[in-house]
Amino acid sequence: MTTLTATVSKVQERCPLKFSFVRALKALDPRMISGSDEVTTSFSNITRKIVSANIMSSDQCDAAERQYKRMVREKADDIKQFDAKTQRLDQFYYQLLEGSEYQELWKVVKRVLVLSHGQAKVERGFSVNEDMLLPNLKQETLMGQRTVYDAVKSL
């Protein structure tokens, strides 16, 4: 019982849901988006955190908030058609927000998705490079192997 209690305590301690920013990400979940004030407030929390971290200016975030409210109103039918089993969130938002009328909102969405998921493609590249390293391998040989590996992978 003590081990179980300690394990659950450690999981709760490290759980990302205790951070307000993570909880506010529900504003970008198409299944949660509606005209409710709760989701709009969550998006405002996201933009406040972005401004306080000096990632974007307050003017850009204010414009993004206005665009978010307009998107929720105008694209409600498109948002309801999101299927989490078959669609990726980044591709869904790209298709939904393409064009100049939602430019600031798209900037916020891109930054939030990168923050929440990291740079997985880049990180996978690091592990591939590490697998290719051999003792006393020169830089040119590594670059040559990587070029061949990338060409084969793309084909």
N, C-alpha and C. Protein backbone atom coordinates (compact mmCIF):
# COMPACT_ATOMS: atom_id res chain seq x y z
N MET A 1 0.83 -1.19 0.00
CA MET A 1 0.00 0.00 0.00
C MET A 1 0.88 1.26 0.00
N THR A 2 1.98 1.21 0.74
CA THR A 2 2.90 2.34 0.80
C THR A 2 3.52 2.60 -0.57
N THR A 3 3.90 1.54 -1.28
CA THR A 3 4.50 1.68 -2.61
C THR A 3 3.49 2.28 -3.58
N LEU A 4 2.27 1.81 -3.52
CA LEU A 4 1.23 2.33 -4.39
C LEU A 4 0.97 3.81 -4.12
N THR A 5 0.90 4.16 -2.87
CA THR A 5 0.68 5.56 -2.49
C THR A 5 1.82 6.44 -2.97
N ALA A 6 3.05 5.96 -2.80
CA ALA A 6 4.21 6.73 -3.25
C ALA A 6 4.22 6.89 -4.76
N THR A 7 3.83 5.84 -5.48
CA THR A 7 3.80 5.89 -6.94
C THR A 7 2.75 6.89 -7.43
N VAL A 8 1.57 6.82 -6.89
CA VAL A 8 0.51 7.75 -7.28
C VAL A 8 0.89 9.18 -6.92
N SER A 9 1.51 9.36 -5.79
CA SER A 9 1.95 10.69 -5.37
C SER A 9 2.97 11.26 -6.36
N LYS A 10 3.90 10.43 -6.82
CA LYS A 10 4.92 10.87 -7.77
C LYS A 10 4.29 11.21 -9.12
N VAL A 11 3.33 10.41 -9.56
CA VAL A 11 2.63 10.68 -10.82
C VAL A 11 1.88 12.00 -10.73
N GLN A 12 1.20 12.23 -9.63
CA GLN A 12 0.46 13.49 -9.46
C GLN A 12 1.41 14.68 -9.39
N GLU A 13 2.55 14.49 -8.77
CA GLU A 13 3.53 15.57 -8.64
C GLU A 13 4.06 16.00 -10.00
N ARG A 14 4.25 15.05 -10.89
CA ARG A 14 4.82 15.36 -12.21
C ARG A 14 3.78 15.51 -13.31
N CYS A 15 2.55 15.43 -12.96
CA CYS A 15 1.47 15.51 -13.95
C CYS A 15 1.41 16.91 -14.56
N PRO A 16 1.46 17.00 -15.89
CA PRO A 16 1.42 18.32 -16.53
C PRO A 16 0.09 19.04 -16.35
N LEU A 17 -0.97 18.32 -16.00
CA LEU A 17 -2.27 18.97 -15.85
C LEU A 17 -2.34 19.92 -14.66
N LYS A 18 -1.34 19.90 -13.80
CA LYS A 18 -1.37 20.85 -12.69
C LYS A 18 -0.97 22.25 -13.14
N PHE A 19 -0.45 22.37 -14.37
CA PHE A 19 -0.06 23.67 -14.90
C PHE A 19 -1.24 24.28 -15.66
N SER A 20 -1.50 25.55 -15.40
CA SER A 20 -2.65 26.22 -16.01
C SER A 20 -2.52 26.29 -17.53
N PHE A 21 -1.30 26.41 -18.03
CA PHE A 21 -1.10 26.49 -19.47
C PHE A 21 -1.56 25.20 -20.15
N VAL A 22 -1.23 24.07 -19.57
CA VAL A 22 -1.62 22.78 -20.15
C VAL A 22 -3.13 22.62 -20.10
N ARG A 23 -3.74 23.02 -19.00
CA ARG A 23 -5.20 22.92 -18.90
C ARG A 23 -5.88 23.85 -19.92
N ALA A 24 -5.24 24.97 -20.21
CA ALA A 24 -5.82 25.93 -21.15
C ALA A 24 -5.76 25.43 -22.60
N LEU A 25 -4.95 24.43 -22.87
CA LEU A 25 -4.83 23.91 -24.23
C LEU A 25 -6.13 23.29 -24.74
N LYS A 26 -7.08 23.09 -23.86
CA LYS A 26 -8.38 22.57 -24.30
C LYS A 26 -9.04 23.53 -25.29
N ALA A 27 -8.61 24.77 -25.29
CA ALA A 27 -9.16 25.75 -26.22
C ALA A 27 -8.81 25.40 -27.67
N LEU A 28 -7.79 24.57 -27.87
CA LEU A 28 -7.40 24.17 -29.22
C LEU A 28 -7.89 22.77 -29.58
N ASP A 29 -8.63 22.14 -28.70
CA ASP A 29 -9.19 20.83 -28.99
C ASP A 29 -10.51 21.03 -29.73
N PRO A 30 -10.58 20.66 -31.01
CA PRO A 30 -11.80 20.89 -31.78
C PRO A 30 -13.04 20.24 -31.16
N ARG A 31 -12.85 19.18 -30.40
CA ARG A 31 -14.00 18.53 -29.77
C ARG A 31 -14.55 19.36 -28.61
N MET A 32 -13.75 20.27 -28.08
CA MET A 32 -14.16 21.10 -26.94
C MET A 32 -14.61 22.49 -27.36
N ILE A 33 -14.23 22.89 -28.57
CA ILE A 33 -14.52 24.26 -29.00
C ILE A 33 -16.02 24.45 -29.21
N SER A 34 -16.51 25.48 -28.63
CA SER A 34 -17.90 25.91 -28.84
C SER A 34 -17.91 27.41 -28.58
N GLY A 35 -19.05 27.99 -28.58
CA GLY A 35 -19.15 29.42 -28.33
C GLY A 35 -19.09 29.78 -26.86
N SER A 36 -18.72 28.83 -26.01
CA SER A 36 -18.76 29.07 -24.57
C SER A 36 -17.65 30.03 -24.12
N ASP A 37 -17.90 30.71 -23.05
CA ASP A 37 -16.92 31.64 -22.49
C ASP A 37 -15.74 30.91 -21.88
N GLU A 38 -15.95 29.68 -21.43
CA GLU A 38 -14.87 28.92 -20.79
C GLU A 38 -13.71 28.66 -21.76
N VAL A 39 -14.04 28.27 -22.99
CA VAL A 39 -13.01 27.99 -23.98
C VAL A 39 -12.33 29.29 -24.41
N THR A 40 -13.09 30.35 -24.56
CA THR A 40 -12.52 31.65 -24.91
C THR A 40 -11.57 32.13 -23.82
N THR A 41 -11.96 31.93 -22.57
CA THR A 41 -11.09 32.29 -21.44
C THR A 41 -9.82 31.45 -21.46
N SER A 42 -9.94 30.18 -21.79
CA SER A 42 -8.77 29.32 -21.88
C SER A 42 -7.81 29.82 -22.96
N PHE A 43 -8.35 30.23 -24.10
CA PHE A 43 -7.49 30.75 -25.16
C PHE A 43 -6.82 32.05 -24.70
N SER A 44 -7.54 32.88 -23.97
CA SER A 44 -6.95 34.10 -23.43
C SER A 44 -5.80 33.78 -22.47
N ASN A 45 -5.96 32.72 -21.69
CA ASN A 45 -4.88 32.29 -20.79
C ASN A 45 -3.64 31.87 -21.59
N ILE A 46 -3.87 31.20 -22.70
CA ILE A 46 -2.74 30.80 -23.55
C ILE A 46 -2.01 32.02 -24.06
N THR A 47 -2.76 33.00 -24.58
CA THR A 47 -2.10 34.18 -25.14
C THR A 47 -1.41 35.00 -24.06
N ARG A 48 -1.98 35.06 -22.86
CA ARG A 48 -1.30 35.77 -21.76
C ARG A 48 0.04 35.13 -21.44
N LYS A 49 0.08 33.80 -21.41
CA LYS A 49 1.34 33.10 -21.14
C LYS A 49 2.35 33.35 -22.25
N ILE A 50 1.88 33.40 -23.49
CA ILE A 50 2.78 33.64 -24.62
C ILE A 50 3.37 35.05 -24.54
N VAL A 51 2.54 36.02 -24.16
CA VAL A 51 3.03 37.39 -24.02
C VAL A 51 4.01 37.49 -22.85
N SER A 52 3.69 36.86 -21.73
CA SER A 52 4.58 36.94 -20.57
C SER A 52 5.91 36.24 -20.81
N ALA A 53 5.94 35.28 -21.73
CA ALA A 53 7.19 34.59 -22.07
C ALA A 53 7.93 35.30 -23.20
N ASN A 54 7.41 36.44 -23.65
CA ASN A 54 8.01 37.23 -24.74
C ASN A 54 8.15 36.43 -26.03
N ILE A 55 7.21 35.57 -26.30
CA ILE A 55 7.21 34.81 -27.54
C ILE A 55 6.55 35.61 -28.65
N MET A 56 5.51 36.34 -28.30
CA MET A 56 4.81 37.21 -29.25
C MET A 56 4.44 38.50 -28.52
N SER A 57 4.13 39.53 -29.31
CA SER A 57 3.74 40.80 -28.70
C SER A 57 2.28 40.75 -28.26
N SER A 58 1.91 41.66 -27.39
CA SER A 58 0.54 41.70 -26.89
C SER A 58 -0.44 42.10 -28.01
N ASP A 59 0.01 42.94 -28.94
CA ASP A 59 -0.85 43.31 -30.07
C ASP A 59 -1.17 42.10 -30.94
N GLN A 60 -0.16 41.27 -31.20
CA GLN A 60 -0.38 40.07 -32.00
C GLN A 60 -1.34 39.12 -31.29
N CYS A 61 -1.16 38.97 -29.98
CA CYS A 61 -2.02 38.06 -29.23
C CYS A 61 -3.45 38.58 -29.12
N ASP A 62 -3.61 39.90 -29.01
CA ASP A 62 -4.96 40.48 -29.00
C ASP A 62 -5.66 40.21 -30.33
N ALA A 63 -4.91 40.37 -31.42
CA ALA A 63 -5.48 40.08 -32.74
C ALA A 63 -5.82 38.60 -32.85
N ALA A 64 -4.97 37.73 -32.31
CA ALA A 64 -5.23 36.28 -32.34
C ALA A 64 -6.49 35.94 -31.55
N GLU A 65 -6.71 36.61 -30.43
CA GLU A 65 -7.92 36.36 -29.63
C GLU A 65 -9.17 36.76 -30.41
N ARG A 66 -9.12 37.90 -31.08
CA ARG A 66 -10.26 38.32 -31.90
C ARG A 66 -10.51 37.32 -33.03
N GLN A 67 -9.44 36.87 -33.65
CA GLN A 67 -9.56 35.91 -34.73
C GLN A 67 -10.07 34.56 -34.22
N TYR A 68 -9.68 34.19 -33.02
CA TYR A 68 -10.16 32.93 -32.43
C TYR A 68 -11.68 32.99 -32.24
N LYS A 69 -12.16 34.10 -31.68
CA LYS A 69 -13.60 34.25 -31.47
C LYS A 69 -14.35 34.22 -32.79
N ARG A 70 -13.78 34.87 -33.80
CA ARG A 70 -14.42 34.87 -35.13
C ARG A 70 -14.40 33.47 -35.74
N MET A 71 -13.28 32.74 -35.58
CA MET A 71 -13.18 31.38 -36.10
C MET A 71 -14.22 30.47 -35.46
N VAL A 72 -14.39 30.58 -34.15
CA VAL A 72 -15.37 29.75 -33.44
C VAL A 72 -16.76 30.03 -33.97
N ARG A 73 -17.04 31.28 -34.25
CA ARG A 73 -18.36 31.69 -34.75
C ARG A 73 -18.57 31.26 -36.21
N GLU A 74 -17.60 31.56 -37.06
CA GLU A 74 -17.78 31.39 -38.50
C GLU A 74 -17.50 29.98 -39.00
N LYS A 75 -16.65 29.25 -38.34
CA LYS A 75 -16.23 27.93 -38.84
C LYS A 75 -16.70 26.80 -37.93
N ALA A 76 -17.80 27.00 -37.24
CA ALA A 76 -18.32 26.00 -36.30
C ALA A 76 -18.60 24.66 -36.99
N ASP A 77 -19.13 24.70 -38.19
CA ASP A 77 -19.45 23.45 -38.91
C ASP A 77 -18.17 22.69 -39.28
N ASP A 78 -17.15 23.41 -39.73
CA ASP A 78 -15.87 22.77 -40.08
C ASP A 78 -15.21 22.17 -38.84
N ILE A 79 -15.31 22.87 -37.72
CA ILE A 79 -14.70 22.40 -36.47
C ILE A 79 -15.37 21.12 -35.99
N LYS A 80 -16.68 21.04 -36.14
CA LYS A 80 -17.42 19.85 -35.69
C LYS A 80 -17.06 18.61 -36.49
N GLN A 81 -16.54 18.79 -37.69
CA GLN A 81 -16.20 17.65 -38.55
C GLN A 81 -14.84 17.05 -38.25
N PHE A 82 -14.12 17.58 -37.29
CA PHE A 82 -12.80 17.05 -36.93
C PHE A 82 -12.94 15.64 -36.39
N ASP A 83 -12.11 14.73 -36.89
CA ASP A 83 -12.09 13.34 -36.42
C ASP A 83 -10.69 13.03 -35.92
N ALA A 84 -10.54 12.89 -34.62
CA ALA A 84 -9.24 12.68 -34.00
C ALA A 84 -8.59 11.37 -34.43
N LYS A 85 -9.38 10.42 -34.88
CA LYS A 85 -8.83 9.12 -35.28
C LYS A 85 -8.16 9.17 -36.64
N THR A 86 -8.61 10.06 -37.51
CA THR A 86 -8.08 10.09 -38.87
C THR A 86 -7.32 11.37 -39.21
N GLN A 87 -7.46 12.42 -38.43
CA GLN A 87 -6.83 13.70 -38.75
C GLN A 87 -5.80 14.08 -37.71
N ARG A 88 -4.72 14.69 -38.19
CA ARG A 88 -3.74 15.27 -37.27
C ARG A 88 -4.17 16.69 -36.96
N LEU A 89 -3.92 17.10 -35.73
CA LEU A 89 -4.36 18.42 -35.28
C LEU A 89 -3.67 19.54 -36.05
N ASP A 90 -2.38 19.42 -36.31
CA ASP A 90 -1.67 20.48 -37.02
C ASP A 90 -2.18 20.62 -38.46
N GLN A 91 -2.46 19.52 -39.12
CA GLN A 91 -2.99 19.59 -40.48
C GLN A 91 -4.41 20.15 -40.49
N PHE A 92 -5.20 19.78 -39.50
CA PHE A 92 -6.56 20.31 -39.39
C PHE A 92 -6.54 21.82 -39.26
N TYR A 93 -5.71 22.34 -38.35
CA TYR A 93 -5.65 23.78 -38.16
C TYR A 93 -5.05 24.49 -39.37
N TYR A 94 -4.10 23.85 -40.03
CA TYR A 94 -3.53 24.47 -41.23
C TYR A 94 -4.61 24.66 -42.29
N GLN A 95 -5.41 23.64 -42.53
CA GLN A 95 -6.49 23.74 -43.51
C GLN A 95 -7.56 24.73 -43.08
N LEU A 96 -7.85 24.74 -41.79
CA LEU A 96 -8.90 25.62 -41.27
C LEU A 96 -8.50 27.09 -41.29
N LEU A 97 -7.22 27.37 -41.01
CA LEU A 97 -6.78 28.74 -40.83
C LEU A 97 -5.97 29.30 -41.98
N GLU A 98 -5.81 28.52 -43.06
CA GLU A 98 -5.01 29.04 -44.15
C GLU A 98 -5.67 30.30 -44.71
N GLY A 99 -4.84 31.20 -45.15
CA GLY A 99 -5.34 32.48 -45.65
C GLY A 99 -4.95 33.59 -44.70
N SER A 100 -5.11 34.80 -45.13
CA SER A 100 -4.62 35.94 -44.37
C SER A 100 -5.55 36.40 -43.26
N GLU A 101 -6.81 35.99 -43.27
CA GLU A 101 -7.74 36.51 -42.28
C GLU A 101 -7.50 35.94 -40.87
N TYR A 102 -6.78 34.82 -40.77
CA TYR A 102 -6.48 34.22 -39.47
C TYR A 102 -4.97 34.12 -39.24
N GLN A 103 -4.22 35.04 -39.78
CA GLN A 103 -2.76 34.97 -39.75
C GLN A 103 -2.20 34.96 -38.32
N GLU A 104 -2.66 35.84 -37.47
CA GLU A 104 -2.14 35.92 -36.10
C GLU A 104 -2.56 34.69 -35.28
N LEU A 105 -3.76 34.22 -35.49
CA LEU A 105 -4.23 33.01 -34.81
C LEU A 105 -3.38 31.81 -35.22
N TRP A 106 -3.05 31.70 -36.50
CA TRP A 106 -2.23 30.60 -36.97
C TRP A 106 -0.85 30.64 -36.33
N LYS A 107 -0.29 31.84 -36.13
CA LYS A 107 1.01 31.97 -35.46
C LYS A 107 0.94 31.42 -34.04
N VAL A 108 -0.12 31.75 -33.32
CA VAL A 108 -0.28 31.25 -31.95
C VAL A 108 -0.43 29.73 -31.94
N VAL A 109 -1.27 29.22 -32.82
CA VAL A 109 -1.51 27.77 -32.87
C VAL A 109 -0.22 27.03 -33.18
N LYS A 110 0.55 27.52 -34.14
CA LYS A 110 1.82 26.88 -34.48
C LYS A 110 2.76 26.83 -33.29
N ARG A 111 2.89 27.95 -32.60
CA ARG A 111 3.81 28.01 -31.46
C ARG A 111 3.36 27.08 -30.33
N VAL A 112 2.07 27.04 -30.10
CA VAL A 112 1.56 26.19 -29.02
C VAL A 112 1.75 24.72 -29.35
N LEU A 113 1.50 24.34 -30.60
CA LEU A 113 1.68 22.95 -30.99
C LEU A 113 3.15 22.54 -30.90
N VAL A 114 4.05 23.43 -31.27
CA VAL A 114 5.48 23.12 -31.15
C VAL A 114 5.88 23.02 -29.68
N LEU A 115 5.36 23.92 -28.85
CA LEU A 115 5.68 23.87 -27.42
C LEU A 115 5.17 22.58 -26.78
N SER A 116 3.98 22.18 -27.15
CA SER A 116 3.40 21.03 -26.48
C SER A 116 3.93 19.71 -26.99
N HIS A 117 4.46 19.67 -28.22
CA HIS A 117 4.93 18.40 -28.76
C HIS A 117 6.42 18.38 -29.04
N GLY A 118 7.09 19.50 -28.88
CA GLY A 118 8.52 19.53 -29.11
C GLY A 118 8.87 19.41 -30.58
N GLN A 119 10.10 19.11 -30.83
CA GLN A 119 10.62 18.98 -32.18
C GLN A 119 10.92 17.51 -32.45
N ALA A 120 9.89 16.69 -32.50
CA ALA A 120 10.06 15.24 -32.60
C ALA A 120 10.85 14.84 -33.84
N LYS A 121 10.60 15.47 -34.97
CA LYS A 121 11.30 15.10 -36.20
C LYS A 121 12.79 15.39 -36.07
N VAL A 122 13.12 16.55 -35.50
CA VAL A 122 14.52 16.90 -35.29
C VAL A 122 15.16 15.93 -34.31
N GLU A 123 14.45 15.61 -33.23
CA GLU A 123 14.99 14.70 -32.23
C GLU A 123 15.21 13.31 -32.80
N ARG A 124 14.31 12.85 -33.69
CA ARG A 124 14.52 11.56 -34.34
C ARG A 124 15.79 11.60 -35.18
N GLY A 125 16.07 12.74 -35.82
CA GLY A 125 17.29 12.89 -36.61
C GLY A 125 18.54 12.74 -35.77
N PHE A 126 18.52 13.23 -34.54
CA PHE A 126 19.66 13.09 -33.65
C PHE A 126 19.94 11.62 -33.37
N SER A 127 18.89 10.84 -33.13
CA SER A 127 19.10 9.43 -32.81
C SER A 127 19.61 8.67 -34.03
N VAL A 128 19.20 9.07 -35.25
CA VAL A 128 19.71 8.43 -36.45
C VAL A 128 21.19 8.72 -36.59
N ASN A 129 21.61 9.96 -36.36
CA ASN A 129 23.02 10.31 -36.43
C ASN A 129 23.84 9.49 -35.43
N GLU A 130 23.30 9.33 -34.24
CA GLU A 130 24.01 8.58 -33.21
C GLU A 130 24.18 7.12 -33.62
N ASP A 131 23.17 6.54 -34.27
CA ASP A 131 23.26 5.15 -34.73
C ASP A 131 24.31 4.98 -35.81
N MET A 132 24.58 6.03 -36.58
CA MET A 132 25.53 5.94 -37.68
C MET A 132 26.98 6.09 -37.23
N LEU A 133 27.20 6.61 -36.03
CA LEU A 133 28.56 6.87 -35.59
C LEU A 133 29.32 5.58 -35.36
N LEU A 134 30.52 5.53 -35.88
CA LEU A 134 31.44 4.41 -35.66
C LEU A 134 32.72 4.99 -35.08
N PRO A 135 33.51 4.19 -34.40
CA PRO A 135 34.78 4.72 -33.87
C PRO A 135 35.65 5.27 -34.99
N ASN A 136 36.28 6.41 -34.75
CA ASN A 136 37.20 7.07 -35.68
C ASN A 136 36.55 7.44 -37.01
N LEU A 137 35.25 7.71 -37.00
CA LEU A 137 34.53 8.07 -38.22
C LEU A 137 34.71 9.57 -38.48
N LYS A 138 35.10 9.92 -39.67
CA LYS A 138 35.31 11.33 -40.00
C LYS A 138 33.98 11.99 -40.33
N GLN A 139 33.91 13.31 -40.18
CA GLN A 139 32.69 14.08 -40.40
C GLN A 139 32.16 13.91 -41.82
N GLU A 140 33.05 13.91 -42.83
CA GLU A 140 32.61 13.79 -44.21
C GLU A 140 31.92 12.45 -44.46
N THR A 141 32.44 11.39 -43.84
CA THR A 141 31.84 10.06 -44.00
C THR A 141 30.45 10.03 -43.38
N LEU A 142 30.31 10.63 -42.21
CA LEU A 142 29.01 10.69 -41.55
C LEU A 142 28.01 11.45 -42.41
N MET A 143 28.45 12.57 -42.98
CA MET A 143 27.56 13.35 -43.84
C MET A 143 27.18 12.55 -45.08
N GLY A 144 28.12 11.81 -45.64
CA GLY A 144 27.83 10.98 -46.80
C GLY A 144 26.82 9.88 -46.46
N GLN A 145 27.02 9.23 -45.32
CA GLN A 145 26.08 8.19 -44.90
C GLN A 145 24.69 8.77 -44.66
N ARG A 146 24.65 9.96 -44.07
CA ARG A 146 23.36 10.59 -43.78
C ARG A 146 22.64 10.96 -45.07
N THR A 147 23.38 11.44 -46.06
CA THR A 147 22.78 11.78 -47.36
C THR A 147 22.18 10.54 -48.01
N VAL A 148 22.92 9.44 -47.99
CA VAL A 148 22.42 8.19 -48.57
C VAL A 148 21.19 7.70 -47.79
N TYR A 149 21.27 7.75 -46.46
CA TYR A 149 20.16 7.30 -45.61
C TYR A 149 18.89 8.11 -45.92
N ASP A 150 19.03 9.45 -46.00
CA ASP A 150 17.87 10.31 -46.28
C ASP A 150 17.30 10.05 -47.67
N ALA A 151 18.17 9.80 -48.66
CA ALA A 151 17.70 9.54 -50.02
C ALA A 151 16.92 8.23 -50.07
N VAL A 152 17.44 7.20 -49.42
CA VAL A 152 16.76 5.89 -49.41
C VAL A 152 15.43 6.02 -48.66
N LYS A 153 15.44 6.73 -47.55
CA LYS A 153 14.23 6.89 -46.76
C LYS A 153 13.15 7.64 -47.54
N SER A 154 13.53 8.66 -48.30
CA SER A 154 12.54 9.43 -49.05
C SER A 154 11.96 8.62 -50.22
N LEU A 155 12.75 7.71 -50.77
CA LEU A 155 12.23 6.89 -51.87
C LEU A 155 11.36 5.77 -51.33
